[in-house]
């Protein structure tokens, strides 16, 4: 029993666990909400929520009339082990892809997976109601500009 209490005390007092909670709170403050960007035939919207220390999101494609065309991908940011991961599950992929949080500074967050061909990194840069998302690898990258938006009600073609 003493051993159990000792291990529990180490777990509770370990600053690593508190730091991860603080980082997740910081991520939650930036990501939470709906972010949209216009594309030729409509828009793409990322919708993020923060609950119980986990960020979950969806990326959906909409027509100009705001009718949902398809779910592009499901997203999650969470603590796994001692690290924080951005997990993307594009609708065309069988399995999700995990990217480790490698940098954070004043609203800028970089996630990397050097084993993945493309993208090998995802960067989010928040500035007020503006968000730049950059995805890429050593050879090329793309930047997408989003703005914070009001709630988007998904309509379907029923």
C-alpha atoms as a PDB file:
ATOM      1  CA  UNK A   1       0.000   0.000   0.000  1.00  0.00           C
ATOM      2  CA  UNK A   2       2.878   2.379   0.768  1.00  0.00           C
ATOM      3  CA  UNK A   3       4.328   1.658  -2.670  1.00  0.00           C
ATOM      4  CA  UNK A   4       0.985   2.501  -4.317  1.00  0.00           C
ATOM      5  CA  UNK A   5       0.770   5.814  -2.433  1.00  0.00           C
ATOM      6  CA  UNK A   6       4.360   6.640  -3.386  1.00  0.00           C
ATOM      7  CA  UNK A   7       3.698   5.969  -7.090  1.00  0.00           C
ATOM      8  CA  UNK A   8       0.454   7.959  -6.926  1.00  0.00           C
ATOM      9  CA  UNK A   9       2.277  10.847  -5.243  1.00  0.00           C
ATOM     10  CA  UNK A  10       4.933  10.879  -7.981  1.00  0.00           C
ATOM     11  CA  UNK A  11       2.223  10.856 -10.649  1.00  0.00           C
ATOM     12  CA  UNK A  12       0.278  13.701  -9.006  1.00  0.00           C
ATOM     13  CA  UNK A  13       3.318  15.865  -8.324  1.00  0.00           C
ATOM     14  CA  UNK A  14       4.987  15.305 -11.700  1.00  0.00           C
ATOM     15  CA  UNK A  15       5.106  18.722 -13.418  1.00  0.00           C
ATOM     16  CA  UNK A  16       5.009  17.036 -16.826  1.00  0.00           C
ATOM     17  CA  UNK A  17       1.332  16.160 -16.339  1.00  0.00           C
ATOM     18  CA  UNK A  18       0.476  19.713 -15.253  1.00  0.00           C
ATOM     19  CA  UNK A  19       2.385  21.162 -18.222  1.00  0.00           C
ATOM     20  CA  UNK A  20       0.415  19.007 -20.647  1.00  0.00           C
ATOM     21  CA  UNK A  21      -2.863  20.185 -19.107  1.00  0.00           C
ATOM     22  CA  UNK A  22      -1.737  23.802 -19.450  1.00  0.00           C
ATOM     23  CA  UNK A  23      -0.727  23.279 -23.073  1.00  0.00           C
ATOM     24  CA  UNK A  24      -4.053  21.600 -23.841  1.00  0.00           C
ATOM     25  CA  UNK A  25      -5.881  24.548 -22.249  1.00  0.00           C
ATOM     26  CA  UNK A  26      -3.843  26.925 -24.415  1.00  0.00           C
ATOM     27  CA  UNK A  27      -4.630  24.882 -27.523  1.00  0.00           C
ATOM     28  CA  UNK A  28      -8.308  24.812 -26.541  1.00  0.00           C
ATOM     29  CA  UNK A  29      -8.449  28.610 -26.260  1.00  0.00           C
ATOM     30  CA  UNK A  30      -7.026  29.035 -29.758  1.00  0.00           C
ATOM     31  CA  UNK A  31      -8.661  26.194 -31.685  1.00  0.00           C
ATOM     32  CA  UNK A  32     -12.197  26.194 -30.245  1.00  0.00           C
ATOM     33  CA  UNK A  33     -14.768  27.533 -32.673  1.00  0.00           C
ATOM     34  CA  UNK A  34     -15.586  27.475 -36.328  1.00  0.00           C
ATOM     35  CA  UNK A  35     -12.978  28.485 -38.891  1.00  0.00           C
ATOM     36  CA  UNK A  36     -13.894  28.855 -42.577  1.00  0.00           C
ATOM     37  CA  UNK A  37     -12.112  29.484 -45.841  1.00  0.00           C
ATOM     38  CA  UNK A  38     -13.609  30.091 -49.249  1.00  0.00           C
ATOM     39  CA  UNK A  39     -12.884  27.773 -52.136  1.00  0.00           C
ATOM     40  CA  UNK A  40     -14.011  28.008 -55.765  1.00  0.00           C
ATOM     41  CA  UNK A  41     -17.307  26.173 -55.343  1.00  0.00           C
ATOM     42  CA  UNK A  42     -18.115  26.893 -51.678  1.00  0.00           C
ATOM     43  CA  UNK A  43     -16.178  26.719 -48.444  1.00  0.00           C
ATOM     44  CA  UNK A  44     -14.261  24.470 -46.071  1.00  0.00           C
ATOM     45  CA  UNK A  45     -15.004  24.750 -42.362  1.00  0.00           C
ATOM     46  CA  UNK A  46     -13.062  23.366 -39.419  1.00  0.00           C
ATOM     47  CA  UNK A  47     -15.239  23.118 -36.321  1.00  0.00           C
ATOM     48  CA  UNK A  48     -13.358  22.510 -33.047  1.00  0.00           C
ATOM     49  CA  UNK A  49     -14.671  21.803 -29.543  1.00  0.00           C
ATOM     50  CA  UNK A  50     -12.722  21.372 -26.301  1.00  0.00           C
ATOM     51  CA  UNK A  51     -14.109  18.978 -23.700  1.00  0.00           C
ATOM     52  CA  UNK A  52     -12.477  17.009 -20.889  1.00  0.00           C
ATOM     53  CA  UNK A  53      -9.002  18.084 -21.976  1.00  0.00           C
ATOM     54  CA  UNK A  54      -9.419  16.853 -25.579  1.00  0.00           C
ATOM     55  CA  UNK A  55      -9.901  18.910 -28.734  1.00  0.00           C
ATOM     56  CA  UNK A  56     -12.086  17.310 -31.383  1.00  0.00           C
ATOM     57  CA  UNK A  57     -12.872  18.707 -34.767  1.00  0.00           C
ATOM     58  CA  UNK A  58     -14.278  18.114 -38.191  1.00  0.00           C
ATOM     59  CA  UNK A  59     -13.382  19.576 -41.543  1.00  0.00           C
ATOM     60  CA  UNK A  60     -16.402  19.775 -43.813  1.00  0.00           C
ATOM     61  CA  UNK A  61     -16.906  20.997 -47.366  1.00  0.00           C
ATOM     62  CA  UNK A  62     -19.965  23.176 -48.051  1.00  0.00           C
ATOM     63  CA  UNK A  63     -21.672  24.529 -51.166  1.00  0.00           C
ATOM     64  CA  UNK A  64     -22.165  28.275 -51.495  1.00  0.00           C
ATOM     65  CA  UNK A  65     -25.664  27.727 -50.035  1.00  0.00           C
ATOM     66  CA  UNK A  66     -24.044  26.129 -46.965  1.00  0.00           C
ATOM     67  CA  UNK A  67     -25.271  22.639 -47.799  1.00  0.00           C
ATOM     68  CA  UNK A  68     -22.726  20.110 -46.617  1.00  0.00           C
ATOM     69  CA  UNK A  69     -21.147  18.214 -49.469  1.00  0.00           C
ATOM     70  CA  UNK A  70     -18.934  15.888 -47.469  1.00  0.00           C
ATOM     71  CA  UNK A  71     -16.901  15.409 -44.341  1.00  0.00           C
ATOM     72  CA  UNK A  72     -13.313  15.954 -45.425  1.00  0.00           C
ATOM     73  CA  UNK A  73     -11.705  14.690 -42.237  1.00  0.00           C
ATOM     74  CA  UNK A  74     -12.124  14.118 -38.510  1.00  0.00           C
ATOM     75  CA  UNK A  75      -9.578  15.738 -36.213  1.00  0.00           C
ATOM     76  CA  UNK A  76      -8.382  15.385 -32.626  1.00  0.00           C
ATOM     77  CA  UNK A  77      -5.682  16.908 -30.440  1.00  0.00           C
ATOM     78  CA  UNK A  78      -4.953  14.947 -27.302  1.00  0.00           C
ATOM     79  CA  UNK A  79      -2.294  13.780 -24.873  1.00  0.00           C
ATOM     80  CA  UNK A  80      -0.898  10.330 -25.631  1.00  0.00           C
ATOM     81  CA  UNK A  81       1.762   9.193 -23.195  1.00  0.00           C
ATOM     82  CA  UNK A  82       4.036  12.154 -22.486  1.00  0.00           C
ATOM     83  CA  UNK A  83       3.316  14.020 -25.730  1.00  0.00           C
ATOM     84  CA  UNK A  84       0.512  15.942 -27.408  1.00  0.00           C
ATOM     85  CA  UNK A  85      -0.678  14.771 -30.812  1.00  0.00           C
ATOM     86  CA  UNK A  86      -2.768  16.166 -33.634  1.00  0.00           C
ATOM     87  CA  UNK A  87      -4.607  13.199 -35.147  1.00  0.00           C
ATOM     88  CA  UNK A  88      -6.128  13.601 -38.603  1.00  0.00           C
ATOM     89  CA  UNK A  89      -8.377  11.027 -40.206  1.00  0.00           C
ATOM     90  CA  UNK A  90      -9.061  12.105 -43.792  1.00  0.00           C
ATOM     91  CA  UNK A  91     -12.231  10.557 -45.193  1.00  0.00           C
ATOM     92  CA  UNK A  92     -10.319   8.838 -48.019  1.00  0.00           C
ATOM     93  CA  UNK A  93      -7.798   7.171 -45.650  1.00  0.00           C
ATOM     94  CA  UNK A  94      -8.383   3.878 -43.914  1.00  0.00           C
ATOM     95  CA  UNK A  95      -6.366   4.899 -40.838  1.00  0.00           C
ATOM     96  CA  UNK A  96      -5.734   8.165 -38.981  1.00  0.00           C
ATOM     97  CA  UNK A  97      -2.358   9.904 -39.032  1.00  0.00           C
ATOM     98  CA  UNK A  98      -0.733  11.288 -35.853  1.00  0.00           C
ATOM     99  CA  UNK A  99       1.459  14.408 -35.765  1.00  0.00           C
ATOM    100  CA  UNK A 100       3.384  15.290 -32.601  1.00  0.00           C
ATOM    101  CA  UNK A 101       3.318  18.839 -31.217  1.00  0.00           C
ATOM    102  CA  UNK A 102       6.914  20.017 -31.689  1.00  0.00           C
ATOM    103  CA  UNK A 103       6.682  23.803 -31.346  1.00  0.00           C
ATOM    104  CA  UNK A 104       4.388  26.345 -29.725  1.00  0.00           C
ATOM    105  CA  UNK A 105       4.841  30.056 -29.305  1.00  0.00           C
ATOM    106  CA  UNK A 106       2.313  32.894 -29.049  1.00  0.00           C
ATOM    107  CA  UNK A 107      -0.527  31.355 -31.046  1.00  0.00           C
ATOM    108  CA  UNK A 108       1.724  29.318 -33.334  1.00  0.00           C
ATOM    109  CA  UNK A 109       1.641  25.537 -33.154  1.00  0.00           C
ATOM    110  CA  UNK A 110       3.636  23.046 -35.236  1.00  0.00           C
ATOM    111  CA  UNK A 111       2.840  19.339 -35.436  1.00  0.00           C
ATOM    112  CA  UNK A 112       5.178  16.891 -37.197  1.00  0.00           C
ATOM    113  CA  UNK A 113       5.293  13.327 -38.443  1.00  0.00           C
ATOM    114  CA  UNK A 114       8.552  12.872 -40.346  1.00  0.00           C
ATOM    115  CA  UNK A 115       7.540   9.301 -41.265  1.00  0.00           C
ATOM    116  CA  UNK A 116       4.531  10.546 -43.276  1.00  0.00           C
ATOM    117  CA  UNK A 117       5.157  11.493 -46.908  1.00  0.00           C
ATOM    118  CA  UNK A 118       2.729  14.408 -47.205  1.00  0.00           C
ATOM    119  CA  UNK A 119       2.162  16.347 -45.184  1.00  0.00           C
ATOM    120  CA  UNK A 120       5.012  15.794 -42.764  1.00  0.00           C
ATOM    121  CA  UNK A 121       4.082  18.960 -40.860  1.00  0.00           C
ATOM    122  CA  UNK A 122       0.962  20.978 -40.043  1.00  0.00           C
ATOM    123  CA  UNK A 123       1.308  24.508 -38.685  1.00  0.00           C
ATOM    124  CA  UNK A 124      -1.481  26.594 -37.179  1.00  0.00           C
ATOM    125  CA  UNK A 125      -0.908  30.331 -36.695  1.00  0.00           C
ATOM    126  CA  UNK A 126      -3.722  32.138 -34.861  1.00  0.00           C
ATOM    127  CA  UNK A 127      -3.981  35.925 -34.894  1.00  0.00           C
ATOM    128  CA  UNK A 128      -7.271  37.281 -33.553  1.00  0.00           C
ATOM    129  CA  UNK A 129     -10.054  36.091 -35.879  1.00  0.00           C
ATOM    130  CA  UNK A 130      -7.563  34.974 -38.522  1.00  0.00           C
ATOM    131  CA  UNK A 131      -5.927  31.572 -38.884  1.00  0.00           C
ATOM    132  CA  UNK A 132      -3.207  30.474 -41.306  1.00  0.00           C
ATOM    133  CA  UNK A 133      -2.811  26.727 -41.696  1.00  0.00           C
ATOM    134  CA  UNK A 134       0.294  25.504 -43.470  1.00  0.00           C
ATOM    135  CA  UNK A 135       0.795  21.891 -44.493  1.00  0.00           C
ATOM    136  CA  UNK A 136       3.827  20.514 -46.242  1.00  0.00           C
ATOM    137  CA  UNK A 137       7.075  18.630 -46.324  1.00  0.00           C
ATOM    138  CA  UNK A 138      10.676  19.438 -47.320  1.00  0.00           C
ATOM    139  CA  UNK A 139       9.782  19.914 -50.994  1.00  0.00           C
ATOM    140  CA  UNK A 140       6.538  21.905 -50.892  1.00  0.00           C
ATOM    141  CA  UNK A 141       3.928  23.457 -48.668  1.00  0.00           C
ATOM    142  CA  UNK A 142       0.498  25.052 -48.948  1.00  0.00           C
ATOM    143  CA  UNK A 143      -1.021  27.838 -46.863  1.00  0.00           C
ATOM    144  CA  UNK A 144      -4.751  28.100 -46.215  1.00  0.00           C
ATOM    145  CA  UNK A 145      -6.272  31.245 -44.712  1.00  0.00           C
ATOM    146  CA  UNK A 146      -9.298  30.831 -42.439  1.00  0.00           C
ATOM    147  CA  UNK A 147     -11.438  33.321 -40.545  1.00  0.00           C
ATOM    148  CA  UNK A 148     -13.377  32.730 -37.355  1.00  0.00           C
ATOM    149  CA  UNK A 149     -17.053  32.458 -38.173  1.00  0.00           C
ATOM    150  CA  UNK A 150     -20.437  32.193 -36.563  1.00  0.00           C
ATOM    151  CA  UNK A 151     -21.992  28.792 -36.006  1.00  0.00           C
ATOM    152  CA  UNK A 152     -22.545  26.964 -39.250  1.00  0.00           C
ATOM    153  CA  UNK A 153     -25.720  24.982 -39.458  1.00  0.00           C
ATOM    154  CA  UNK A 154     -25.182  21.975 -41.655  1.00  0.00           C
ATOM    155  CA  UNK A 155     -27.931  21.494 -44.219  1.00  0.00           C
ATOM    156  CA  UNK A 156     -28.307  18.401 -46.327  1.00  0.00           C
ATOM    157  CA  UNK A 157     -29.945  17.785 -49.695  1.00  0.00           C
ATOM    158  CA  UNK A 158     -33.023  15.894 -48.429  1.00  0.00           C
END
